[in-house]
Amino acid sequence: MAEKRENWGSKLGLILAMAGNAVGLGNFWRYPYQAAANGGGAFMIPYFGALILMGIPLMFVEWNLGRFGGKYGHGSLGPMVYLQAREGVSPKTAAILGGITGAIALGVTVLVNSYYNHIIGWTLGYAFESLVGGYMDTSIDTGTYFVNYIQSPALVFPFWILALAILYFAVSGGIKKGIEVIAKWMMPTIYVVGAILIVRTLTLGSPVNPDWSPIA
């Protein structure tokens, strides 16, 4: 009997989940820093160039690969690459390419999860510290605060375990009851928080140099 694969419950859930793959911590932390350090508005020129020349073509390749493999009931990268490679090379070569691709995909997934779990925990911990006022100590710089934070097991491990529990709920519930539910709540929340941060940034000013204010 063929295994019945779970599908998305709605187009909105799919769109929000895909947006969650693209929008992350880098958009709120790394991207603004890189833009400010590399010419401000001029940074957008190579950014959109990379988006058009690399990002969008890779997206189409990924979607095409998924659709092709999905027709044959495969949902992992290795078999998908094998099926497409078989159209142009020998079955043995296609199997080798599929095996290598699958191994790389598994390795990348394990590597990304190994550090992103900690980053999620750190983010939850920083949010908690901000709410209780622990992050408002101006006597130490942010770098020293981070070092002190990650060296405190009482702060690191509880939020790391909480991050794993949230991820377990999302994965164990499957697509509809897990990932889609999380995406429908988390993605609107991240945009609301992003809007709050934008307003806060534009009204904060600069304690070091007034000319550095975003509204100067």
N, C-alpha and C. Protein backbone atom coordinates (compact mmCIF):
# COMPACT_ATOMS: atom_id res chain seq x y z
N MET A 1 0.85 -1.20 0.00
CA MET A 1 0.00 0.00 0.00
C MET A 1 0.89 1.25 0.00
N ALA A 2 0.60 2.18 -0.89
CA ALA A 2 1.39 3.40 -0.98
C ALA A 2 1.15 4.28 0.24
N GLU A 3 2.23 4.87 0.71
CA GLU A 3 2.12 5.75 1.88
C GLU A 3 1.46 7.07 1.48
N LYS A 4 0.48 7.48 2.26
CA LYS A 4 -0.23 8.72 1.99
C LYS A 4 0.54 9.87 2.62
N ARG A 5 0.96 10.82 1.79
CA ARG A 5 1.75 11.95 2.26
C ARG A 5 0.83 13.07 2.72
N GLU A 6 1.24 13.72 3.80
CA GLU A 6 0.46 14.83 4.35
C GLU A 6 0.66 16.08 3.51
N ASN A 7 -0.39 16.85 3.33
CA ASN A 7 -0.34 18.09 2.56
C ASN A 7 -0.63 19.28 3.46
N TRP A 8 -0.36 20.46 2.91
CA TRP A 8 -0.65 21.69 3.63
C TRP A 8 -2.17 21.87 3.73
N GLY A 9 -2.61 22.43 4.86
CA GLY A 9 -4.04 22.63 5.05
C GLY A 9 -4.58 23.82 4.29
N SER A 10 -3.73 24.80 4.00
CA SER A 10 -4.17 26.00 3.29
C SER A 10 -2.99 26.63 2.58
N LYS A 11 -3.28 27.45 1.58
CA LYS A 11 -2.22 28.17 0.88
C LYS A 11 -1.55 29.18 1.79
N LEU A 12 -2.34 29.77 2.70
CA LEU A 12 -1.78 30.74 3.64
C LEU A 12 -0.72 30.08 4.52
N GLY A 13 -1.02 28.87 5.00
CA GLY A 13 -0.05 28.16 5.83
C GLY A 13 1.24 27.89 5.08
N LEU A 14 1.14 27.50 3.81
CA LEU A 14 2.32 27.25 2.99
C LEU A 14 3.13 28.53 2.80
N ILE A 15 2.43 29.63 2.47
CA ILE A 15 3.12 30.90 2.22
C ILE A 15 3.83 31.37 3.48
N LEU A 16 3.18 31.29 4.62
CA LEU A 16 3.79 31.73 5.88
C LEU A 16 4.97 30.86 6.26
N ALA A 17 4.86 29.55 6.03
CA ALA A 17 5.96 28.65 6.34
C ALA A 17 7.17 28.93 5.45
N MET A 18 6.92 29.19 4.15
CA MET A 18 8.02 29.51 3.24
C MET A 18 8.64 30.86 3.60
N ALA A 19 7.79 31.81 4.03
CA ALA A 19 8.32 33.09 4.48
C ALA A 19 9.18 32.91 5.72
N GLY A 20 8.78 31.96 6.58
CA GLY A 20 9.58 31.67 7.76
C GLY A 20 10.94 31.11 7.42
N ASN A 21 11.04 30.39 6.28
CA ASN A 21 12.34 29.90 5.84
C ASN A 21 13.25 31.03 5.38
N ALA A 22 12.64 32.08 4.82
CA ALA A 22 13.41 33.16 4.23
C ALA A 22 13.70 34.29 5.22
N VAL A 23 12.77 34.55 6.13
CA VAL A 23 12.91 35.66 7.07
C VAL A 23 13.38 35.11 8.41
N GLY A 24 14.51 35.55 8.86
CA GLY A 24 15.04 35.04 10.11
C GLY A 24 15.79 36.10 10.88
N LEU A 25 16.64 35.64 11.79
CA LEU A 25 17.40 36.56 12.65
C LEU A 25 18.29 37.48 11.84
N GLY A 26 18.82 36.96 10.72
CA GLY A 26 19.70 37.77 9.90
C GLY A 26 19.03 39.01 9.34
N ASN A 27 17.73 38.94 9.09
CA ASN A 27 17.01 40.10 8.57
C ASN A 27 16.90 41.21 9.60
N PHE A 28 16.91 40.87 10.87
CA PHE A 28 16.77 41.88 11.92
C PHE A 28 18.11 42.29 12.51
N TRP A 29 19.12 41.45 12.33
CA TRP A 29 20.41 41.75 12.96
C TRP A 29 21.52 41.92 11.93
N ARG A 30 21.79 40.88 11.17
CA ARG A 30 22.93 40.90 10.25
C ARG A 30 22.72 41.85 9.08
N TYR A 31 21.53 41.83 8.47
CA TYR A 31 21.28 42.65 7.28
C TYR A 31 21.42 44.15 7.55
N PRO A 32 20.78 44.70 8.60
CA PRO A 32 20.96 46.13 8.85
C PRO A 32 22.41 46.52 9.08
N TYR A 33 23.15 45.64 9.79
CA TYR A 33 24.57 45.94 10.04
C TYR A 33 25.35 45.97 8.73
N GLN A 34 25.14 44.96 7.87
CA GLN A 34 25.86 44.91 6.60
C GLN A 34 25.49 46.10 5.72
N ALA A 35 24.22 46.48 5.71
CA ALA A 35 23.80 47.61 4.89
C ALA A 35 24.46 48.91 5.37
N ALA A 36 24.48 49.12 6.69
CA ALA A 36 25.08 50.34 7.23
C ALA A 36 26.58 50.38 7.03
N ALA A 37 27.23 49.20 7.07
CA ALA A 37 28.69 49.15 6.96
C ALA A 37 29.18 49.15 5.51
N ASN A 38 28.27 49.01 4.55
CA ASN A 38 28.68 48.89 3.15
C ASN A 38 27.94 49.87 2.24
N GLY A 39 27.79 51.09 2.70
CA GLY A 39 27.29 52.13 1.83
C GLY A 39 25.83 52.49 1.95
N GLY A 40 25.12 51.89 2.90
CA GLY A 40 23.73 52.24 3.09
C GLY A 40 22.88 51.86 1.89
N GLY A 41 22.28 52.88 1.24
CA GLY A 41 21.43 52.62 0.09
C GLY A 41 22.19 51.98 -1.07
N ALA A 42 23.50 52.28 -1.21
CA ALA A 42 24.29 51.69 -2.29
C ALA A 42 24.41 50.17 -2.12
N PHE A 43 24.28 49.70 -0.89
CA PHE A 43 24.36 48.26 -0.63
C PHE A 43 23.22 47.52 -1.30
N MET A 44 22.10 48.22 -1.55
CA MET A 44 20.94 47.58 -2.16
C MET A 44 21.19 47.18 -3.60
N ILE A 45 22.16 47.84 -4.28
CA ILE A 45 22.43 47.52 -5.69
C ILE A 45 22.98 46.10 -5.82
N PRO A 46 24.09 45.75 -5.15
CA PRO A 46 24.55 44.35 -5.26
C PRO A 46 23.59 43.37 -4.60
N TYR A 47 22.84 43.84 -3.61
CA TYR A 47 21.88 42.95 -2.94
C TYR A 47 20.80 42.49 -3.93
N PHE A 48 20.18 43.44 -4.62
CA PHE A 48 19.15 43.07 -5.59
C PHE A 48 19.75 42.37 -6.80
N GLY A 49 21.01 42.71 -7.14
CA GLY A 49 21.68 41.99 -8.22
C GLY A 49 21.84 40.51 -7.88
N ALA A 50 22.27 40.23 -6.65
CA ALA A 50 22.40 38.84 -6.21
C ALA A 50 21.04 38.16 -6.14
N LEU A 51 20.01 38.92 -5.73
CA LEU A 51 18.66 38.35 -5.65
C LEU A 51 18.16 37.93 -7.02
N ILE A 52 18.37 38.80 -8.02
CA ILE A 52 17.86 38.52 -9.37
C ILE A 52 18.68 37.44 -10.07
N LEU A 53 20.01 37.51 -9.93
CA LEU A 53 20.89 36.61 -10.68
C LEU A 53 21.08 35.25 -10.00
N MET A 54 20.92 35.20 -8.67
CA MET A 54 21.17 33.95 -7.95
C MET A 54 19.95 33.46 -7.17
N GLY A 55 19.36 34.34 -6.37
CA GLY A 55 18.28 33.92 -5.48
C GLY A 55 17.06 33.39 -6.21
N ILE A 56 16.54 34.18 -7.15
CA ILE A 56 15.33 33.77 -7.87
C ILE A 56 15.57 32.53 -8.74
N PRO A 57 16.68 32.45 -9.52
CA PRO A 57 16.92 31.22 -10.28
C PRO A 57 17.04 29.98 -9.39
N LEU A 58 17.72 30.09 -8.26
CA LEU A 58 17.84 28.95 -7.35
C LEU A 58 16.48 28.55 -6.78
N MET A 59 15.63 29.54 -6.54
CA MET A 59 14.29 29.24 -6.04
C MET A 59 13.50 28.43 -7.07
N PHE A 60 13.60 28.84 -8.35
CA PHE A 60 12.89 28.10 -9.40
C PHE A 60 13.45 26.69 -9.55
N VAL A 61 14.77 26.54 -9.43
CA VAL A 61 15.37 25.21 -9.51
C VAL A 61 14.86 24.33 -8.38
N GLU A 62 14.80 24.89 -7.17
CA GLU A 62 14.34 24.12 -6.02
C GLU A 62 12.87 23.71 -6.17
N TRP A 63 12.03 24.64 -6.60
CA TRP A 63 10.62 24.31 -6.78
C TRP A 63 10.43 23.28 -7.88
N ASN A 64 11.16 23.42 -8.97
CA ASN A 64 11.05 22.45 -10.06
C ASN A 64 11.51 21.07 -9.61
N LEU A 65 12.58 21.03 -8.83
CA LEU A 65 13.08 19.76 -8.32
C LEU A 65 12.05 19.10 -7.41
N GLY A 66 11.43 19.90 -6.54
CA GLY A 66 10.42 19.36 -5.64
C GLY A 66 9.19 18.85 -6.37
N ARG A 67 8.75 19.57 -7.38
CA ARG A 67 7.58 19.14 -8.15
C ARG A 67 7.88 17.85 -8.92
N PHE A 68 9.08 17.77 -9.48
CA PHE A 68 9.44 16.59 -10.25
C PHE A 68 9.50 15.36 -9.34
N GLY A 69 10.17 15.50 -8.21
CA GLY A 69 10.26 14.37 -7.29
C GLY A 69 8.93 14.03 -6.66
N GLY A 70 8.10 15.04 -6.42
CA GLY A 70 6.80 14.81 -5.81
C GLY A 70 5.88 13.97 -6.67
N LYS A 71 6.06 14.05 -7.99
CA LYS A 71 5.22 13.23 -8.88
C LYS A 71 5.43 11.75 -8.66
N TYR A 72 6.64 11.39 -8.17
CA TYR A 72 6.96 9.99 -7.95
C TYR A 72 6.92 9.61 -6.46
N GLY A 73 6.38 10.52 -5.65
CA GLY A 73 6.22 10.21 -4.24
C GLY A 73 7.45 10.40 -3.38
N HIS A 74 8.44 11.12 -3.89
CA HIS A 74 9.67 11.34 -3.12
C HIS A 74 9.68 12.76 -2.54
N GLY A 75 10.09 12.87 -1.27
CA GLY A 75 10.11 14.18 -0.63
C GLY A 75 11.47 14.59 -0.13
N SER A 76 12.51 13.79 -0.36
CA SER A 76 13.87 14.13 0.08
C SER A 76 14.75 14.42 -1.13
N LEU A 77 15.83 15.16 -0.90
CA LEU A 77 16.62 15.70 -2.00
C LEU A 77 17.36 14.62 -2.79
N GLY A 78 17.90 13.62 -2.10
CA GLY A 78 18.67 12.59 -2.79
C GLY A 78 17.89 11.87 -3.90
N PRO A 79 16.72 11.29 -3.59
CA PRO A 79 15.93 10.64 -4.63
C PRO A 79 15.48 11.60 -5.74
N MET A 80 15.21 12.86 -5.35
CA MET A 80 14.79 13.82 -6.37
C MET A 80 15.90 14.07 -7.38
N VAL A 81 17.12 14.26 -6.88
CA VAL A 81 18.26 14.48 -7.78
C VAL A 81 18.51 13.24 -8.63
N TYR A 82 18.37 12.08 -8.03
CA TYR A 82 18.55 10.83 -8.78
C TYR A 82 17.57 10.73 -9.94
N LEU A 83 16.30 11.06 -9.68
CA LEU A 83 15.28 10.96 -10.72
C LEU A 83 15.56 11.90 -11.88
N GLN A 84 15.99 13.13 -11.56
CA GLN A 84 16.27 14.08 -12.64
C GLN A 84 17.57 13.74 -13.36
N ALA A 85 18.59 13.31 -12.60
CA ALA A 85 19.87 12.98 -13.23
C ALA A 85 19.75 11.77 -14.14
N ARG A 86 18.82 10.88 -13.82
CA ARG A 86 18.61 9.67 -14.62
C ARG A 86 18.16 9.99 -16.04
N GLU A 87 17.61 11.21 -16.22
CA GLU A 87 17.16 11.60 -17.55
C GLU A 87 18.32 11.91 -18.49
N GLY A 88 19.51 12.21 -17.92
CA GLY A 88 20.62 12.61 -18.77
C GLY A 88 21.88 11.78 -18.65
N VAL A 89 22.00 10.98 -17.58
CA VAL A 89 23.20 10.16 -17.38
C VAL A 89 22.78 8.72 -17.08
N SER A 90 23.75 7.85 -16.94
CA SER A 90 23.45 6.44 -16.68
C SER A 90 22.85 6.28 -15.28
N PRO A 91 22.06 5.22 -15.06
CA PRO A 91 21.47 5.01 -13.74
C PRO A 91 22.50 4.94 -12.62
N LYS A 92 23.67 4.35 -12.88
CA LYS A 92 24.71 4.25 -11.86
C LYS A 92 25.23 5.63 -11.47
N THR A 93 25.50 6.45 -12.49
CA THR A 93 25.98 7.81 -12.22
C THR A 93 24.90 8.62 -11.51
N ALA A 94 23.66 8.44 -11.92
CA ALA A 94 22.55 9.15 -11.27
C ALA A 94 22.42 8.75 -9.81
N ALA A 95 22.63 7.46 -9.53
CA ALA A 95 22.56 6.99 -8.15
C ALA A 95 23.68 7.59 -7.31
N ILE A 96 24.87 7.71 -7.89
CA ILE A 96 26.00 8.32 -7.17
C ILE A 96 25.71 9.79 -6.88
N LEU A 97 25.22 10.50 -7.90
CA LEU A 97 24.89 11.92 -7.70
C LEU A 97 23.80 12.09 -6.65
N GLY A 98 22.77 11.23 -6.71
CA GLY A 98 21.70 11.31 -5.72
C GLY A 98 22.20 11.01 -4.31
N GLY A 99 23.09 10.01 -4.18
CA GLY A 99 23.64 9.67 -2.87
C GLY A 99 24.48 10.80 -2.29
N ILE A 100 25.34 11.39 -3.14
CA ILE A 100 26.18 12.50 -2.66
C ILE A 100 25.33 13.69 -2.26
N THR A 101 24.34 14.00 -3.10
CA THR A 101 23.45 15.14 -2.79
C THR A 101 22.68 14.90 -1.50
N GLY A 102 22.16 13.70 -1.33
CA GLY A 102 21.43 13.38 -0.10
C GLY A 102 22.31 13.47 1.13
N ALA A 103 23.57 13.02 1.02
CA ALA A 103 24.49 13.09 2.16
C ALA A 103 24.81 14.54 2.51
N ILE A 104 25.01 15.37 1.47
CA ILE A 104 25.28 16.79 1.72
C ILE A 104 24.08 17.46 2.38
N ALA A 105 22.87 17.14 1.88
CA ALA A 105 21.66 17.74 2.44
C ALA A 105 21.50 17.34 3.91
N LEU A 106 21.76 16.07 4.23
CA LEU A 106 21.66 15.62 5.62
C LEU A 106 22.70 16.31 6.49
N GLY A 107 23.93 16.41 5.97
CA GLY A 107 25.00 17.06 6.74
C GLY A 107 24.70 18.52 7.01
N VAL A 108 24.21 19.23 5.98
CA VAL A 108 23.87 20.65 6.16
C VAL A 108 22.74 20.81 7.17
N THR A 109 21.73 19.93 7.11
CA THR A 109 20.61 20.01 8.04
C THR A 109 21.08 19.81 9.48
N VAL A 110 21.92 18.81 9.70
CA VAL A 110 22.45 18.56 11.05
C VAL A 110 23.29 19.74 11.53
N LEU A 111 24.13 20.28 10.63
CA LEU A 111 24.99 21.40 11.01
C LEU A 111 24.17 22.64 11.36
N VAL A 112 23.19 22.97 10.51
CA VAL A 112 22.36 24.15 10.75
C VAL A 112 21.57 24.00 12.06
N ASN A 113 20.98 22.82 12.25
CA ASN A 113 20.21 22.60 13.48
C ASN A 113 21.09 22.66 14.73
N SER A 114 22.34 22.26 14.60
CA SER A 114 23.22 22.21 15.77
C SER A 114 23.49 23.58 16.35
N TYR A 115 23.50 24.62 15.50
CA TYR A 115 23.74 25.96 16.05
C TYR A 115 22.48 26.80 16.12
N TYR A 116 21.50 26.54 15.25
CA TYR A 116 20.28 27.35 15.31
C TYR A 116 19.47 27.06 16.56
N ASN A 117 19.53 25.84 17.07
CA ASN A 117 18.85 25.55 18.34
C ASN A 117 19.38 26.43 19.46
N HIS A 118 20.70 26.64 19.45
CA HIS A 118 21.30 27.50 20.48
C HIS A 118 20.92 28.96 20.25
N ILE A 119 20.90 29.39 18.98
CA ILE A 119 20.54 30.78 18.69
C ILE A 119 19.11 31.08 19.11
N ILE A 120 18.20 30.12 18.87
CA ILE A 120 16.81 30.30 19.32
C ILE A 120 16.77 30.43 20.83
N GLY A 121 17.52 29.57 21.52
CA GLY A 121 17.57 29.65 22.98
C GLY A 121 18.14 30.98 23.46
N TRP A 122 19.20 31.45 22.81
CA TRP A 122 19.77 32.74 23.18
C TRP A 122 18.76 33.86 22.97
N THR A 123 18.04 33.81 21.85
CA THR A 123 17.04 34.84 21.56
C THR A 123 15.94 34.86 22.61
N LEU A 124 15.47 33.66 23.01
CA LEU A 124 14.46 33.59 24.07
C LEU A 124 15.02 34.13 25.38
N GLY A 125 16.27 33.79 25.67
CA GLY A 125 16.89 34.28 26.90
C GLY A 125 17.05 35.79 26.91
N TYR A 126 17.46 36.35 25.78
CA TYR A 126 17.60 37.81 25.69
C TYR A 126 16.25 38.50 25.82
N ALA A 127 15.20 37.88 25.23
CA ALA A 127 13.87 38.45 25.36
C ALA A 127 13.44 38.47 26.83
N PHE A 128 13.70 37.37 27.53
CA PHE A 128 13.36 37.30 28.95
C PHE A 128 14.15 38.33 29.75
N GLU A 129 15.45 38.43 29.47
CA GLU A 129 16.29 39.40 30.19
C GLU A 129 15.83 40.83 29.93
N SER A 130 15.38 41.10 28.72
CA SER A 130 14.88 42.45 28.41
C SER A 130 13.60 42.75 29.16
N LEU A 131 12.72 41.75 29.29
CA LEU A 131 11.44 41.95 29.98
C LEU A 131 11.64 42.19 31.47
N VAL A 132 12.60 41.49 32.07
CA VAL A 132 12.82 41.63 33.52
C VAL A 132 13.84 42.71 33.87
N GLY A 133 14.41 43.35 32.83
CA GLY A 133 15.35 44.43 33.08
C GLY A 133 16.78 44.01 33.24
N GLY A 134 17.09 42.74 33.05
CA GLY A 134 18.47 42.28 33.21
C GLY A 134 19.41 42.76 32.13
N TYR A 135 18.86 43.14 30.98
CA TYR A 135 19.69 43.59 29.87
C TYR A 135 19.91 45.10 29.89
N MET A 136 19.38 45.76 30.91
CA MET A 136 19.46 47.22 30.96
C MET A 136 20.69 47.72 31.71
N ASP A 137 21.58 46.81 32.09
CA ASP A 137 22.79 47.20 32.81
C ASP A 137 23.75 47.88 31.85
N THR A 138 23.93 49.18 32.00
CA THR A 138 24.78 49.95 31.09
C THR A 138 26.24 49.99 31.53
N SER A 139 26.56 49.29 32.62
CA SER A 139 27.93 49.32 33.12
C SER A 139 28.84 48.40 32.31
N ILE A 140 28.28 47.48 31.50
CA ILE A 140 29.09 46.59 30.68
C ILE A 140 28.62 46.69 29.23
N ASP A 141 29.55 46.46 28.31
CA ASP A 141 29.20 46.53 26.89
C ASP A 141 28.47 45.26 26.46
N THR A 142 27.89 45.30 25.26
CA THR A 142 27.07 44.19 24.79
C THR A 142 27.89 42.91 24.60
N GLY A 143 29.16 43.06 24.17
CA GLY A 143 30.00 41.89 23.98
C GLY A 143 30.28 41.17 25.29
N THR A 144 30.60 41.94 26.33
CA THR A 144 30.84 41.35 27.65
C THR A 144 29.58 40.73 28.20
N TYR A 145 28.44 41.38 27.96
CA TYR A 145 27.17 40.83 28.44
C TYR A 145 26.89 39.48 27.80
N PHE A 146 27.17 39.36 26.50
CA PHE A 146 26.93 38.10 25.81
C PHE A 146 27.83 37.00 26.35
N VAL A 147 29.10 37.31 26.56
CA VAL A 147 30.03 36.32 27.11
C VAL A 147 29.56 35.86 28.48
N ASN A 148 29.14 36.81 29.32
CA ASN A 148 28.64 36.44 30.64
C ASN A 148 27.37 35.60 30.54
N TYR A 149 26.54 35.90 29.54
CA TYR A 149 25.29 35.16 29.38
C TYR A 149 25.55 33.71 29.00
N ILE A 150 26.37 33.47 27.99
CA ILE A 150 26.59 32.10 27.52
C ILE A 150 27.42 31.29 28.51
N GLN A 151 28.06 31.95 29.48
CA GLN A 151 28.81 31.24 30.51
C GLN A 151 27.96 30.98 31.75
N SER A 152 26.68 31.30 31.68
CA SER A 152 25.77 31.07 32.79
C SER A 152 24.83 29.92 32.47
N PRO A 153 25.10 28.71 32.95
CA PRO A 153 24.23 27.56 32.64
C PRO A 153 22.78 27.78 33.09
N ALA A 154 22.57 28.54 34.16
CA ALA A 154 21.22 28.78 34.65
C ALA A 154 20.39 29.58 33.67
N LEU A 155 21.04 30.35 32.80
CA LEU A 155 20.32 31.11 31.78
C LEU A 155 20.29 30.38 30.45
N VAL A 156 21.38 29.72 30.08
CA VAL A 156 21.48 29.10 28.76
C VAL A 156 20.61 27.85 28.64
N PHE A 157 20.75 26.92 29.56
CA PHE A 157 20.11 25.61 29.40
C PHE A 157 18.59 25.65 29.47
N PRO A 158 17.96 26.41 30.38
CA PRO A 158 16.49 26.42 30.38
C PRO A 158 15.88 26.90 29.07
N PHE A 159 16.46 27.94 28.47
CA PHE A 159 15.91 28.46 27.23
C PHE A 159 16.28 27.58 26.04
N TRP A 160 17.41 26.89 26.12
CA TRP A 160 17.76 25.93 25.08
C TRP A 160 16.78 24.76 25.09
N ILE A 161 16.44 24.28 26.29
CA ILE A 161 15.46 23.19 26.41
C ILE A 161 14.09 23.66 25.95
N LEU A 162 13.71 24.91 26.27
CA LEU A 162 12.45 25.45 25.81
C LEU A 162 12.41 25.53 24.28
N ALA A 163 13.52 25.92 23.66
CA ALA A 163 13.59 25.97 22.20
C ALA A 163 13.41 24.58 21.60
N LEU A 164 14.04 23.57 22.19
CA LEU A 164 13.88 22.20 21.70
C LEU A 164 12.44 21.72 21.86
N ALA A 165 11.79 22.11 22.96
CA ALA A 165 10.40 21.71 23.19
C ALA A 165 9.48 22.31 22.13
N ILE A 166 9.70 23.58 21.78
CA ILE A 166 8.88 24.23 20.76
C ILE A 166 9.09 23.56 19.40
N LEU A 167 10.34 23.27 19.08
CA LEU A 167 10.64 22.61 17.81
C LEU A 167 10.07 21.20 17.77
N TYR A 168 10.11 20.50 18.90
CA TYR A 168 9.54 19.15 18.96
C TYR A 168 8.02 19.20 18.70
N PHE A 169 7.36 20.19 19.28
CA PHE A 169 5.93 20.34 19.05
C PHE A 169 5.63 20.59 17.58
N ALA A 170 6.44 21.44 16.95
CA ALA A 170 6.21 21.77 15.55
C ALA A 170 6.41 20.56 14.65
N VAL A 171 7.46 19.78 14.92
CA VAL A 171 7.77 18.64 14.05
C VAL A 171 6.86 17.46 14.32
N SER A 172 6.59 17.17 15.59
CA SER A 172 5.78 16.00 15.94
C SER A 172 4.33 16.14 15.49
N GLY A 173 3.86 17.37 15.33
CA GLY A 173 2.48 17.59 14.89
C GLY A 173 2.30 17.43 13.40
N GLY A 174 3.39 17.22 12.68
CA GLY A 174 3.28 17.09 11.23
C GLY A 174 3.15 18.44 10.56
N ILE A 175 2.67 18.43 9.33
CA ILE A 175 2.57 19.67 8.56
C ILE A 175 1.40 20.53 9.02
N LYS A 176 0.19 19.94 9.06
CA LYS A 176 -1.00 20.72 9.36
C LYS A 176 -1.07 21.14 10.83
N LYS A 177 -0.87 20.17 11.74
CA LYS A 177 -1.07 20.43 13.16
C LYS A 177 0.19 20.91 13.87
N GLY A 178 1.29 20.94 13.17
CA GLY A 178 2.53 21.37 13.79
C GLY A 178 3.14 22.58 13.11
N ILE A 179 3.79 22.35 11.97
CA ILE A 179 4.51 23.41 11.27
C ILE A 179 3.57 24.53 10.83
N GLU A 180 2.41 24.16 10.28
CA GLU A 180 1.48 25.18 9.79
C GLU A 180 0.90 26.01 10.93
N VAL A 181 0.59 25.36 12.05
CA VAL A 181 0.05 26.09 13.20
C VAL A 181 1.09 27.08 13.75
N ILE A 182 2.33 26.61 13.88
CA ILE A 182 3.40 27.47 14.37
C ILE A 182 3.60 28.66 13.42
N ALA A 183 3.62 28.39 12.10
CA ALA A 183 3.84 29.46 11.11
C ALA A 183 2.74 30.51 11.15
N LYS A 184 1.49 30.07 11.33
CA LYS A 184 0.36 31.02 11.34
C LYS A 184 0.41 31.93 12.55
N TRP A 185 1.04 31.49 13.63
CA TRP A 185 1.16 32.34 14.81
C TRP A 185 2.46 33.14 14.80
N MET A 186 3.55 32.48 14.43
CA MET A 186 4.87 33.10 14.55
C MET A 186 5.12 34.17 13.51
N MET A 187 4.72 33.95 12.25
CA MET A 187 5.04 34.91 11.20
C MET A 187 4.33 36.25 11.39
N PRO A 188 3.02 36.28 11.70
CA PRO A 188 2.42 37.59 12.00
C PRO A 188 3.08 38.26 13.20
N THR A 189 3.47 37.44 14.20
CA THR A 189 4.12 37.99 15.39
C THR A 189 5.44 38.65 15.05
N ILE A 190 6.23 38.02 14.17
CA ILE A 190 7.54 38.58 13.85
C ILE A 190 7.40 39.90 13.08
N TYR A 191 6.36 40.03 12.27
CA TYR A 191 6.15 41.30 11.55
C TYR A 191 5.66 42.39 12.50
N VAL A 192 4.84 42.02 13.48
CA VAL A 192 4.40 43.01 14.47
C VAL A 192 5.60 43.50 15.29
N VAL A 193 6.43 42.54 15.74
CA VAL A 193 7.62 42.91 16.50
C VAL A 193 8.56 43.74 15.63
N GLY A 194 8.69 43.37 14.34
CA GLY A 194 9.54 44.15 13.45
C GLY A 194 9.06 45.58 13.30
N ALA A 195 7.74 45.78 13.21
CA ALA A 195 7.19 47.13 13.11
C ALA A 195 7.48 47.93 14.39
N ILE A 196 7.36 47.27 15.54
CA ILE A 196 7.66 47.93 16.81
C ILE A 196 9.13 48.35 16.86
N LEU A 197 10.02 47.48 16.40
CA LEU A 197 11.45 47.79 16.40
C LEU A 197 11.76 48.95 15.46
N ILE A 198 11.07 49.01 14.32
CA ILE A 198 11.30 50.11 13.38
C ILE A 198 10.89 51.45 14.02
N VAL A 199 9.72 51.48 14.65
CA VAL A 199 9.26 52.70 15.31
C VAL A 199 10.22 53.08 16.43
N ARG A 200 10.65 52.10 17.21
CA ARG A 200 11.59 52.36 18.31
C ARG A 200 12.92 52.90 17.79
N THR A 201 13.40 52.32 16.68
CA THR A 201 14.67 52.76 16.11
C THR A 201 14.59 54.20 15.61
N LEU A 202 13.48 54.54 14.94
CA LEU A 202 13.34 55.88 14.38
C LEU A 202 13.14 56.95 15.44
N THR A 203 12.72 56.56 16.63
CA THR A 203 12.48 57.54 17.69
C THR A 203 13.51 57.49 18.81
N LEU A 204 14.51 56.61 18.67
CA LEU A 204 15.48 56.42 19.75
C LEU A 204 16.54 57.51 19.79
N GLY A 205 16.99 57.97 18.60
CA GLY A 205 18.09 58.90 18.58
C GLY A 205 19.40 58.17 18.82
N SER A 206 20.47 58.91 19.03
CA SER A 206 21.77 58.31 19.28
C SER A 206 22.42 58.95 20.50
N PRO A 207 22.76 58.16 21.52
CA PRO A 207 23.38 58.74 22.72
C PRO A 207 24.83 59.13 22.50
N VAL A 208 25.46 58.66 21.40
CA VAL A 208 26.87 58.93 21.16
C VAL A 208 27.05 60.16 20.27
N ASN A 209 26.35 60.17 19.17
CA ASN A 209 26.46 61.26 18.22
C ASN A 209 25.09 61.52 17.62
N PRO A 210 24.51 62.68 17.85
CA PRO A 210 23.17 62.96 17.31
C PRO A 210 23.08 62.80 15.80
N ASP A 211 24.18 63.00 15.08
CA ASP A 211 24.16 62.88 13.62
C ASP A 211 23.95 61.45 13.18
N TRP A 212 24.13 60.50 14.09
CA TRP A 212 23.94 59.09 13.72
C TRP A 212 22.50 58.63 13.86
N SER A 213 21.64 59.52 14.30
CA SER A 213 20.23 59.15 14.44
C SER A 213 19.65 58.81 13.07
N PRO A 214 18.76 57.80 12.95
CA PRO A 214 18.19 57.43 11.67
C PRO A 214 17.31 58.51 11.05
N ILE A 215 16.87 59.49 11.85
CA ILE A 215 16.03 60.56 11.30
C ILE A 215 16.80 61.86 11.16
N ALA A 216 18.14 61.79 11.31
CA ALA A 216 18.95 63.00 11.20
C ALA A 216 19.07 63.41 9.73
